[in-house]
Amino acid sequence: MSNYYTNLIDQELVGGTIVNSIIDSNDSNFYGFEVRMPSGEIKNVWILRDEEWNGPGAIEISPDNEEGDEDE
């Protein structure tokens, strides 16, 4: 499943810039961020629960080139 997500990020988001945090106006349990693409298009990225929808899901933010980073 991880290749699916890395491919999706590569195809849809690489080259874009995060410009804003967002929260769903109808449900504050849904949050994410806006990405502005070089074309000017804005894409919303939502941080969702796990695939079974029985947990909160997760996101981790870490510095580039952290130990174990495959791009080193």
Protein backbone atom coordinates (compact mmCIF):
# COMPACT_ATOMS: atom_id res chain seq x y z
CA MET A 1 0.00 0.00 0.00
CA SER A 2 2.89 2.42 0.66
CA ASN A 3 3.85 2.52 -3.03
CA TYR A 4 0.30 3.64 -3.80
CA TYR A 5 0.65 6.64 -1.49
CA THR A 6 4.14 7.62 -2.62
CA ASN A 7 3.06 7.38 -6.27
CA LEU A 8 -0.04 9.47 -5.54
CA ILE A 9 2.05 12.14 -3.82
CA ASP A 10 4.62 12.14 -6.64
CA GLN A 11 1.95 12.44 -9.34
CA GLU A 12 -0.40 14.90 -7.62
CA LEU A 13 1.59 17.08 -5.21
CA VAL A 14 5.32 17.23 -5.94
CA GLY A 15 6.17 20.74 -7.09
CA GLY A 16 3.33 22.30 -5.13
CA THR A 17 3.52 24.53 -2.08
CA ILE A 18 1.47 24.16 1.10
CA VAL A 19 -0.34 27.47 1.48
CA ASN A 20 -2.96 26.98 4.17
CA SER A 21 -4.35 24.62 6.77
CA ILE A 22 -8.01 23.66 6.31
CA ILE A 23 -10.81 22.16 8.38
CA ASP A 24 -14.15 20.86 7.10
CA SER A 25 -16.85 23.42 7.89
CA ASN A 26 -19.38 20.61 8.45
CA ASP A 27 -17.21 18.26 10.53
CA SER A 28 -14.25 19.48 12.59
CA ASN A 29 -12.85 15.93 12.65
CA PHE A 30 -11.67 16.44 9.05
CA TYR A 31 -8.58 18.59 8.59
CA GLY A 32 -5.76 18.97 6.14
CA PHE A 33 -4.01 21.54 4.00
CA GLU A 34 -4.16 23.32 0.66
CA VAL A 35 -1.42 22.86 -1.92
CA ARG A 36 -0.92 25.44 -4.67
CA MET A 37 0.45 23.85 -7.82
CA PRO A 38 2.75 25.72 -10.24
CA SER A 39 -0.26 26.08 -12.58
CA GLY A 40 -2.12 28.00 -9.86
CA GLU A 41 -4.52 25.12 -9.20
CA ILE A 42 -5.28 24.55 -5.50
CA LYS A 43 -5.57 20.96 -4.25
CA ASN A 44 -7.03 20.05 -0.85
CA VAL A 45 -5.19 17.29 1.01
CA TRP A 46 -7.29 15.69 3.76
CA ILE A 47 -5.74 13.70 6.60
CA LEU A 48 -8.10 10.77 7.03
CA ARG A 49 -8.59 7.90 9.45
CA ASP A 50 -7.00 4.54 8.86
CA GLU A 51 -8.38 2.36 6.06
CA GLU A 52 -10.90 0.65 8.39
CA TRP A 53 -12.14 4.04 9.70
CA ASN A 54 -11.81 2.80 13.28
CA GLY A 55 -8.91 4.99 14.34
CA PRO A 56 -7.75 8.56 14.06
CA GLY A 57 -5.07 8.00 11.41
CA ALA A 58 -1.79 9.84 11.73
CA ILE A 59 0.63 12.29 10.21
CA GLU A 60 4.25 12.81 11.12
CA ILE A 61 6.35 15.84 10.26
CA SER A 62 10.11 15.46 10.45
CA PRO A 63 13.18 17.29 9.18
CA ASP A 64 14.59 16.27 5.80
CA ASN A 65 17.42 13.68 5.79
CA GLU A 66 16.43 12.23 9.14
CA GLU A 67 18.26 8.99 9.94
CA GLY A 68 16.78 6.18 7.88
CA ASP A 69 15.58 8.53 5.13
CA GLU A 70 15.70 6.68 1.80
CA ASP A 71 16.78 9.84 -0.07
CA GLU A 72 20.10 10.24 1.73
